[in-house]
N, C-alpha and C. Protein backbone atom coordinates (compact mmCIF):
# COMPACT_ATOMS: atom_id res chain seq x y z
N MET A 1 0.83 -1.20 0.00
CA MET A 1 0.00 0.00 0.00
C MET A 1 0.87 1.26 0.00
N ARG A 2 1.95 1.25 0.79
CA ARG A 2 2.82 2.43 0.87
C ARG A 2 3.42 2.74 -0.49
N ARG A 3 3.74 1.71 -1.26
CA ARG A 3 4.34 1.93 -2.58
C ARG A 3 3.36 2.68 -3.50
N TYR A 4 2.07 2.32 -3.42
CA TYR A 4 1.06 3.00 -4.24
C TYR A 4 0.88 4.45 -3.81
N LEU A 5 0.90 4.67 -2.49
CA LEU A 5 0.79 6.04 -2.00
C LEU A 5 2.00 6.87 -2.42
N ASP A 6 3.19 6.29 -2.28
CA ASP A 6 4.41 7.00 -2.72
C ASP A 6 4.32 7.36 -4.20
N THR A 7 3.86 6.41 -5.01
CA THR A 7 3.73 6.66 -6.46
C THR A 7 2.70 7.74 -6.74
N ALA A 8 1.55 7.68 -6.05
CA ALA A 8 0.49 8.67 -6.27
C ALA A 8 0.96 10.08 -5.91
N PHE A 9 1.62 10.21 -4.76
CA PHE A 9 2.07 11.54 -4.35
C PHE A 9 3.29 12.00 -5.16
N ALA A 10 4.10 11.08 -5.64
CA ALA A 10 5.20 11.46 -6.54
C ALA A 10 4.64 11.95 -7.87
N THR A 11 3.58 11.31 -8.35
CA THR A 11 2.94 11.76 -9.59
C THR A 11 2.33 13.15 -9.40
N LEU A 12 1.69 13.36 -8.26
CA LEU A 12 1.14 14.68 -7.96
C LEU A 12 2.26 15.72 -7.90
N GLY A 13 3.40 15.35 -7.32
CA GLY A 13 4.55 16.25 -7.30
C GLY A 13 5.07 16.55 -8.69
N ALA A 14 5.06 15.56 -9.57
CA ALA A 14 5.49 15.78 -10.96
C ALA A 14 4.53 16.72 -11.67
N ILE A 15 3.24 16.61 -11.38
CA ILE A 15 2.26 17.53 -11.96
C ILE A 15 2.53 18.95 -11.50
N VAL A 16 2.85 19.11 -10.23
CA VAL A 16 3.16 20.44 -9.68
C VAL A 16 4.40 21.03 -10.36
N VAL A 17 5.42 20.21 -10.55
CA VAL A 17 6.63 20.68 -11.22
C VAL A 17 6.32 21.08 -12.67
N THR A 18 5.48 20.32 -13.33
CA THR A 18 5.08 20.64 -14.71
C THR A 18 4.33 21.96 -14.76
N ILE A 19 3.42 22.17 -13.80
CA ILE A 19 2.68 23.44 -13.75
C ILE A 19 3.65 24.60 -13.54
N PHE A 20 4.63 24.41 -12.67
CA PHE A 20 5.62 25.45 -12.44
C PHE A 20 6.40 25.76 -13.71
N ALA A 21 6.79 24.74 -14.46
CA ALA A 21 7.52 24.94 -15.71
C ALA A 21 6.66 25.69 -16.72
N VAL A 22 5.39 25.37 -16.79
CA VAL A 22 4.48 26.07 -17.71
C VAL A 22 4.34 27.53 -17.30
N ILE A 23 4.24 27.79 -15.99
CA ILE A 23 4.15 29.17 -15.50
C ILE A 23 5.39 29.96 -15.92
N MET A 24 6.56 29.38 -15.72
CA MET A 24 7.81 30.06 -16.08
C MET A 24 7.88 30.32 -17.59
N ALA A 25 7.47 29.36 -18.38
CA ALA A 25 7.48 29.52 -19.85
C ALA A 25 6.51 30.62 -20.28
N LEU A 26 5.33 30.67 -19.68
CA LEU A 26 4.36 31.70 -20.04
C LEU A 26 4.83 33.09 -19.64
N ILE A 27 5.43 33.20 -18.46
CA ILE A 27 5.94 34.51 -18.03
C ILE A 27 7.08 34.96 -18.95
N PHE A 28 7.97 34.05 -19.28
CA PHE A 28 9.07 34.38 -20.20
C PHE A 28 8.51 34.81 -21.55
N MET A 29 7.53 34.08 -22.06
CA MET A 29 6.92 34.41 -23.34
C MET A 29 6.25 35.78 -23.29
N GLN A 30 5.58 36.08 -22.17
CA GLN A 30 4.92 37.37 -22.02
C GLN A 30 5.94 38.51 -22.00
N VAL A 31 7.05 38.34 -21.30
CA VAL A 31 8.08 39.38 -21.24
C VAL A 31 8.67 39.62 -22.63
N ILE A 32 8.99 38.56 -23.33
CA ILE A 32 9.55 38.70 -24.69
C ILE A 32 8.56 39.41 -25.60
N ASN A 33 7.31 38.97 -25.57
CA ASN A 33 6.31 39.57 -26.46
C ASN A 33 6.02 41.02 -26.11
N ARG A 34 5.94 41.33 -24.84
CA ARG A 34 5.58 42.68 -24.45
C ARG A 34 6.72 43.68 -24.64
N PHE A 35 7.92 43.33 -24.18
CA PHE A 35 8.99 44.31 -24.14
C PHE A 35 9.91 44.29 -25.36
N PHE A 36 9.99 43.17 -26.04
CA PHE A 36 10.87 43.11 -27.21
C PHE A 36 10.11 43.17 -28.52
N LEU A 37 8.96 42.55 -28.58
CA LEU A 37 8.19 42.53 -29.83
C LEU A 37 7.06 43.56 -29.84
N GLY A 38 6.70 44.06 -28.66
CA GLY A 38 5.63 45.05 -28.57
C GLY A 38 4.26 44.45 -28.82
N LEU A 39 4.12 43.15 -28.67
CA LEU A 39 2.85 42.48 -28.90
C LEU A 39 2.44 41.69 -27.64
N PRO A 40 1.91 42.37 -26.64
CA PRO A 40 1.57 41.65 -25.41
C PRO A 40 0.45 40.63 -25.64
N LEU A 41 0.59 39.50 -24.99
CA LEU A 41 -0.44 38.47 -25.05
C LEU A 41 -1.45 38.76 -23.94
N PHE A 42 -2.69 38.86 -24.27
CA PHE A 42 -3.71 39.28 -23.31
C PHE A 42 -4.13 38.17 -22.35
N TRP A 43 -3.89 36.94 -22.67
CA TRP A 43 -4.41 35.82 -21.89
C TRP A 43 -3.42 35.23 -20.88
N THR A 44 -2.15 35.55 -21.01
CA THR A 44 -1.16 34.88 -20.17
C THR A 44 -1.30 35.22 -18.68
N GLU A 45 -1.69 36.45 -18.37
CA GLU A 45 -1.80 36.82 -16.96
C GLU A 45 -2.85 35.98 -16.24
N GLU A 46 -4.00 35.78 -16.88
CA GLU A 46 -5.05 34.96 -16.25
C GLU A 46 -4.64 33.50 -16.15
N VAL A 47 -3.97 32.98 -17.17
CA VAL A 47 -3.54 31.58 -17.13
C VAL A 47 -2.51 31.39 -16.02
N VAL A 48 -1.56 32.30 -15.91
CA VAL A 48 -0.54 32.19 -14.87
C VAL A 48 -1.17 32.27 -13.49
N ARG A 49 -2.11 33.18 -13.30
CA ARG A 49 -2.78 33.30 -12.00
C ARG A 49 -3.52 32.02 -11.65
N MET A 50 -4.22 31.46 -12.61
CA MET A 50 -4.97 30.23 -12.37
C MET A 50 -4.01 29.06 -12.09
N LEU A 51 -2.94 28.95 -12.87
CA LEU A 51 -1.98 27.87 -12.67
C LEU A 51 -1.25 28.00 -11.33
N LEU A 52 -1.04 29.23 -10.88
CA LEU A 52 -0.39 29.43 -9.59
C LEU A 52 -1.26 28.88 -8.45
N VAL A 53 -2.56 29.11 -8.53
CA VAL A 53 -3.47 28.57 -7.53
C VAL A 53 -3.45 27.05 -7.58
N TRP A 54 -3.49 26.48 -8.77
CA TRP A 54 -3.44 25.02 -8.91
C TRP A 54 -2.13 24.47 -8.35
N MET A 55 -1.03 25.14 -8.65
CA MET A 55 0.28 24.66 -8.20
C MET A 55 0.37 24.63 -6.67
N VAL A 56 -0.05 25.70 -6.03
CA VAL A 56 0.04 25.77 -4.57
C VAL A 56 -0.87 24.73 -3.91
N LEU A 57 -2.10 24.64 -4.39
CA LEU A 57 -3.05 23.76 -3.71
C LEU A 57 -2.87 22.29 -4.06
N LEU A 58 -2.20 21.98 -5.15
CA LEU A 58 -1.85 20.59 -5.43
C LEU A 58 -0.49 20.24 -4.82
N GLY A 59 0.33 21.23 -4.57
CA GLY A 59 1.63 21.00 -3.95
C GLY A 59 1.54 20.78 -2.45
N THR A 60 0.53 21.36 -1.83
CA THR A 60 0.37 21.23 -0.38
C THR A 60 0.24 19.77 0.07
N PRO A 61 -0.60 18.95 -0.57
CA PRO A 61 -0.67 17.55 -0.13
C PRO A 61 0.65 16.80 -0.29
N VAL A 62 1.42 17.14 -1.30
CA VAL A 62 2.72 16.48 -1.50
C VAL A 62 3.64 16.82 -0.34
N VAL A 63 3.68 18.08 0.04
CA VAL A 63 4.54 18.53 1.14
C VAL A 63 4.09 17.89 2.46
N VAL A 64 2.78 17.83 2.68
CA VAL A 64 2.26 17.24 3.91
C VAL A 64 2.57 15.74 3.95
N TYR A 65 2.38 15.06 2.85
CA TYR A 65 2.64 13.62 2.81
C TYR A 65 4.10 13.30 3.13
N GLN A 66 5.00 14.14 2.63
CA GLN A 66 6.43 13.92 2.85
C GLN A 66 6.92 14.50 4.18
N CYS A 67 6.02 15.11 4.94
CA CYS A 67 6.36 15.74 6.23
C CYS A 67 7.42 16.82 6.05
N ASP A 68 7.31 17.58 4.97
CA ASP A 68 8.29 18.62 4.68
C ASP A 68 7.75 20.03 4.94
N GLU A 69 6.60 20.13 5.62
CA GLU A 69 6.05 21.45 5.86
C GLU A 69 6.94 22.21 6.83
N ILE A 70 6.84 23.53 6.79
CA ILE A 70 7.61 24.36 7.72
C ILE A 70 6.96 24.23 9.09
N LYS A 71 7.76 23.89 10.06
CA LYS A 71 7.24 23.69 11.41
C LYS A 71 7.69 24.84 12.30
N VAL A 72 6.73 25.47 12.94
CA VAL A 72 7.01 26.49 13.93
C VAL A 72 6.58 25.91 15.27
N GLU A 73 7.53 25.52 16.06
CA GLU A 73 7.22 24.88 17.33
C GLU A 73 7.38 25.88 18.47
N LEU A 74 6.26 26.26 19.03
CA LEU A 74 6.30 27.16 20.18
C LEU A 74 6.54 26.38 21.46
N PHE A 75 6.09 25.14 21.46
CA PHE A 75 6.24 24.28 22.63
C PHE A 75 6.91 22.99 22.20
N HIS A 76 7.92 22.59 22.92
CA HIS A 76 8.57 21.31 22.67
C HIS A 76 8.68 20.59 24.00
N PHE A 77 8.04 19.46 24.08
CA PHE A 77 7.98 18.72 25.33
C PHE A 77 9.04 17.62 25.36
N LYS A 78 9.66 17.45 26.50
CA LYS A 78 10.63 16.37 26.68
C LYS A 78 9.91 15.03 26.86
N ASN A 79 8.72 15.10 27.42
CA ASN A 79 7.91 13.91 27.65
C ASN A 79 7.37 13.39 26.31
N LYS A 80 7.66 12.16 26.00
CA LYS A 80 7.24 11.57 24.72
C LYS A 80 5.72 11.56 24.58
N HIS A 81 5.00 11.31 25.66
CA HIS A 81 3.54 11.27 25.61
C HIS A 81 2.96 12.65 25.28
N LEU A 82 3.48 13.70 25.93
CA LEU A 82 3.01 15.06 25.65
C LEU A 82 3.35 15.48 24.21
N GLU A 83 4.52 15.07 23.76
CA GLU A 83 4.92 15.39 22.38
C GLU A 83 4.00 14.70 21.38
N THR A 84 3.61 13.46 21.68
CA THR A 84 2.66 12.74 20.82
C THR A 84 1.30 13.43 20.82
N CYS A 85 0.84 13.85 21.97
CA CYS A 85 -0.44 14.58 22.07
C CYS A 85 -0.40 15.88 21.27
N ARG A 86 0.70 16.60 21.37
CA ARG A 86 0.85 17.84 20.61
C ARG A 86 0.80 17.57 19.12
N TYR A 87 1.51 16.54 18.69
CA TYR A 87 1.54 16.17 17.27
C TYR A 87 0.15 15.80 16.77
N VAL A 88 -0.59 15.02 17.54
CA VAL A 88 -1.94 14.60 17.15
C VAL A 88 -2.88 15.80 17.12
N LEU A 89 -2.78 16.69 18.10
CA LEU A 89 -3.62 17.87 18.14
C LEU A 89 -3.38 18.77 16.92
N VAL A 90 -2.13 18.96 16.57
CA VAL A 90 -1.81 19.78 15.38
C VAL A 90 -2.36 19.13 14.12
N ALA A 91 -2.25 17.82 14.02
CA ALA A 91 -2.78 17.12 12.85
C ALA A 91 -4.30 17.23 12.78
N ILE A 92 -4.97 17.09 13.90
CA ILE A 92 -6.44 17.21 13.93
C ILE A 92 -6.88 18.61 13.54
N LEU A 93 -6.22 19.62 14.10
CA LEU A 93 -6.58 21.01 13.75
C LEU A 93 -6.31 21.29 12.27
N SER A 94 -5.24 20.74 11.74
CA SER A 94 -4.93 20.92 10.33
C SER A 94 -5.98 20.25 9.44
N ILE A 95 -6.41 19.07 9.84
CA ILE A 95 -7.44 18.36 9.08
C ILE A 95 -8.76 19.13 9.12
N ILE A 96 -9.11 19.69 10.27
CA ILE A 96 -10.34 20.49 10.38
C ILE A 96 -10.24 21.71 9.46
N PHE A 97 -9.09 22.39 9.47
CA PHE A 97 -8.90 23.54 8.59
C PHE A 97 -9.05 23.13 7.12
N CYS A 98 -8.44 22.01 6.74
CA CYS A 98 -8.52 21.54 5.35
C CYS A 98 -9.94 21.14 4.98
N ALA A 99 -10.70 20.62 5.95
CA ALA A 99 -12.10 20.28 5.68
C ALA A 99 -12.91 21.55 5.41
N PHE A 100 -12.68 22.61 6.19
CA PHE A 100 -13.35 23.89 5.92
C PHE A 100 -12.93 24.41 4.54
N LEU A 101 -11.66 24.30 4.24
CA LEU A 101 -11.16 24.75 2.94
C LEU A 101 -11.82 23.98 1.80
N ALA A 102 -11.92 22.67 1.96
CA ALA A 102 -12.55 21.84 0.92
C ALA A 102 -14.03 22.19 0.77
N TYR A 103 -14.72 22.36 1.88
CA TYR A 103 -16.15 22.68 1.84
C TYR A 103 -16.41 24.02 1.17
N TRP A 104 -15.70 25.06 1.64
CA TRP A 104 -15.95 26.39 1.08
C TRP A 104 -15.40 26.51 -0.34
N GLY A 105 -14.34 25.80 -0.64
CA GLY A 105 -13.85 25.77 -2.03
C GLY A 105 -14.87 25.16 -2.96
N TYR A 106 -15.52 24.10 -2.50
CA TYR A 106 -16.59 23.46 -3.28
C TYR A 106 -17.75 24.43 -3.49
N ARG A 107 -18.13 25.14 -2.43
CA ARG A 107 -19.23 26.11 -2.54
C ARG A 107 -18.88 27.23 -3.52
N PHE A 108 -17.65 27.74 -3.45
CA PHE A 108 -17.22 28.79 -4.38
C PHE A 108 -17.19 28.26 -5.80
N THR A 109 -16.76 27.02 -5.98
CA THR A 109 -16.71 26.43 -7.32
C THR A 109 -18.11 26.34 -7.91
N LEU A 110 -19.07 25.88 -7.11
CA LEU A 110 -20.44 25.79 -7.60
C LEU A 110 -21.00 27.17 -7.95
N ARG A 111 -20.69 28.15 -7.12
CA ARG A 111 -21.21 29.50 -7.36
C ARG A 111 -20.58 30.12 -8.61
N ALA A 112 -19.35 29.74 -8.93
CA ALA A 112 -18.65 30.34 -10.06
C ALA A 112 -18.91 29.62 -11.38
N LEU A 113 -19.69 28.55 -11.37
CA LEU A 113 -19.92 27.80 -12.61
C LEU A 113 -20.52 28.65 -13.72
N GLY A 114 -21.36 29.60 -13.36
CA GLY A 114 -22.03 30.41 -14.37
C GLY A 114 -21.24 31.60 -14.87
N THR A 115 -20.13 31.93 -14.24
CA THR A 115 -19.35 33.10 -14.67
C THR A 115 -18.16 32.66 -15.51
N MET A 116 -17.73 33.55 -16.37
CA MET A 116 -16.64 33.22 -17.30
C MET A 116 -15.43 34.10 -17.03
N GLN A 117 -14.25 33.54 -17.31
CA GLN A 117 -13.01 34.32 -17.28
C GLN A 117 -13.07 35.30 -18.46
N PRO A 118 -12.77 36.58 -18.27
CA PRO A 118 -12.92 37.56 -19.34
C PRO A 118 -12.11 37.26 -20.60
N SER A 119 -10.83 36.96 -20.45
CA SER A 119 -10.02 36.80 -21.66
C SER A 119 -9.89 35.35 -22.12
N LEU A 120 -10.15 34.40 -21.24
CA LEU A 120 -9.99 33.00 -21.63
C LEU A 120 -11.27 32.38 -22.16
N GLY A 121 -12.41 32.89 -21.70
CA GLY A 121 -13.68 32.33 -22.15
C GLY A 121 -14.00 30.98 -21.52
N ILE A 122 -13.37 30.67 -20.38
CA ILE A 122 -13.69 29.42 -19.68
C ILE A 122 -14.35 29.78 -18.36
N SER A 123 -14.97 28.79 -17.75
CA SER A 123 -15.66 29.02 -16.49
C SER A 123 -14.69 29.45 -15.40
N ARG A 124 -15.15 30.40 -14.60
CA ARG A 124 -14.35 30.87 -13.47
C ARG A 124 -14.21 29.78 -12.40
N ALA A 125 -15.02 28.75 -12.50
CA ALA A 125 -14.94 27.65 -11.54
C ALA A 125 -13.57 26.97 -11.59
N TRP A 126 -12.88 27.04 -12.72
CA TRP A 126 -11.54 26.45 -12.82
C TRP A 126 -10.55 27.13 -11.89
N LEU A 127 -10.84 28.37 -11.51
CA LEU A 127 -9.98 29.08 -10.56
C LEU A 127 -10.22 28.60 -9.13
N TYR A 128 -11.46 28.18 -8.83
CA TYR A 128 -11.82 27.78 -7.48
C TYR A 128 -11.77 26.27 -7.25
N ALA A 129 -11.79 25.48 -8.30
CA ALA A 129 -11.79 24.01 -8.16
C ALA A 129 -10.59 23.46 -7.38
N PRO A 130 -9.39 24.01 -7.55
CA PRO A 130 -8.27 23.43 -6.79
C PRO A 130 -8.35 23.66 -5.29
N ILE A 131 -9.18 24.60 -4.85
CA ILE A 131 -9.29 24.84 -3.41
C ILE A 131 -9.89 23.62 -2.72
N SER A 132 -11.02 23.14 -3.24
CA SER A 132 -11.63 21.96 -2.63
C SER A 132 -10.80 20.70 -2.90
N LEU A 133 -10.26 20.58 -4.09
CA LEU A 133 -9.44 19.42 -4.42
C LEU A 133 -8.19 19.37 -3.55
N GLY A 134 -7.52 20.49 -3.40
CA GLY A 134 -6.32 20.55 -2.56
C GLY A 134 -6.64 20.28 -1.10
N GLY A 135 -7.77 20.80 -0.62
CA GLY A 135 -8.17 20.54 0.76
C GLY A 135 -8.42 19.06 1.00
N MET A 136 -9.14 18.41 0.08
CA MET A 136 -9.41 16.98 0.24
C MET A 136 -8.14 16.14 0.15
N LEU A 137 -7.27 16.47 -0.81
CA LEU A 137 -6.03 15.71 -0.95
C LEU A 137 -5.10 15.92 0.25
N THR A 138 -5.14 17.10 0.83
CA THR A 138 -4.31 17.36 2.01
C THR A 138 -4.82 16.57 3.21
N ILE A 139 -6.14 16.45 3.34
CA ILE A 139 -6.69 15.61 4.40
C ILE A 139 -6.21 14.17 4.23
N ILE A 140 -6.29 13.67 3.00
CA ILE A 140 -5.81 12.31 2.73
C ILE A 140 -4.33 12.21 3.07
N ALA A 141 -3.56 13.22 2.69
CA ALA A 141 -2.12 13.20 2.98
C ALA A 141 -1.85 13.17 4.48
N PHE A 142 -2.63 13.92 5.26
CA PHE A 142 -2.45 13.89 6.71
C PHE A 142 -2.76 12.51 7.29
N VAL A 143 -3.78 11.86 6.74
CA VAL A 143 -4.19 10.57 7.27
C VAL A 143 -3.18 9.47 6.93
N VAL A 144 -2.63 9.50 5.72
CA VAL A 144 -1.77 8.39 5.26
C VAL A 144 -0.29 8.74 5.25
N ARG A 145 0.07 9.92 5.70
CA ARG A 145 1.47 10.35 5.62
C ARG A 145 2.39 9.45 6.43
N ARG A 146 3.64 9.56 6.09
CA ARG A 146 4.64 8.80 6.83
C ARG A 146 4.61 9.23 8.28
N ASP A 147 5.02 8.39 9.15
CA ASP A 147 4.94 8.68 10.58
C ASP A 147 6.01 9.70 10.96
N ALA A 148 5.62 10.97 10.93
CA ALA A 148 6.56 12.06 11.19
C ALA A 148 7.03 12.06 12.64
N LEU A 149 6.18 11.64 13.53
CA LEU A 149 6.56 11.67 14.94
C LEU A 149 7.70 10.70 15.21
N ASN A 150 7.63 9.51 14.63
CA ASN A 150 8.71 8.54 14.83
C ASN A 150 9.99 9.01 14.15
N GLU A 151 9.85 9.63 12.97
CA GLU A 151 11.04 10.16 12.28
C GLU A 151 11.68 11.25 13.10
N GLN A 152 10.86 12.11 13.71
CA GLN A 152 11.38 13.20 14.50
C GLN A 152 12.10 12.66 15.75
N SER A 153 11.52 11.66 16.41
CA SER A 153 12.17 11.11 17.60
C SER A 153 13.45 10.36 17.22
N ASP A 154 13.48 9.74 16.03
CA ASP A 154 14.69 9.07 15.58
C ASP A 154 15.82 10.09 15.37
N GLU A 155 15.46 11.27 14.81
CA GLU A 155 16.45 12.32 14.60
C GLU A 155 17.00 12.82 15.93
N GLU A 156 16.11 12.97 16.92
CA GLU A 156 16.53 13.44 18.23
C GLU A 156 17.43 12.42 18.92
N ASP A 157 17.17 11.13 18.69
CA ASP A 157 18.00 10.08 19.30
C ASP A 157 19.42 10.11 18.74
N LEU A 158 19.55 10.52 17.45
CA LEU A 158 20.85 10.57 16.83
C LEU A 158 21.71 11.73 17.33
N THR A 159 21.05 12.78 17.80
CA THR A 159 21.81 13.95 18.26
C THR A 159 22.19 13.87 19.70
């Protein structure tokens, strides 16, 4: 099962890297067209904005699954039991936040189905769809992620 999860999240990571490469190519193309050729492309700004939202919200589950998120620890307990409780509490609060994100992202997506992007001519829902998708995938990532607490205690044992 772990192999399938690793493959799924690695594929999601590859999608995020591809989106980033497309964003960079579009920005480069826009700069060349606008400042050197004098022919600005009217659609690139909206595409880049939309792809940026997709990249961030699809990248979050990958980071969570790999336990690579930035950690700001205000409290660090020497007691292993208290440290485990803190870790579980943070995970539960994060899952609740992602559930709200998924729910409200879904609501925004439904509300935006009837509106169109001005220059692209596609539904504005494509801008909001990654919010609910990213929230749901992040919840899954929190549930199935590698055991960060054991990895963290292993690192502390080595020092």
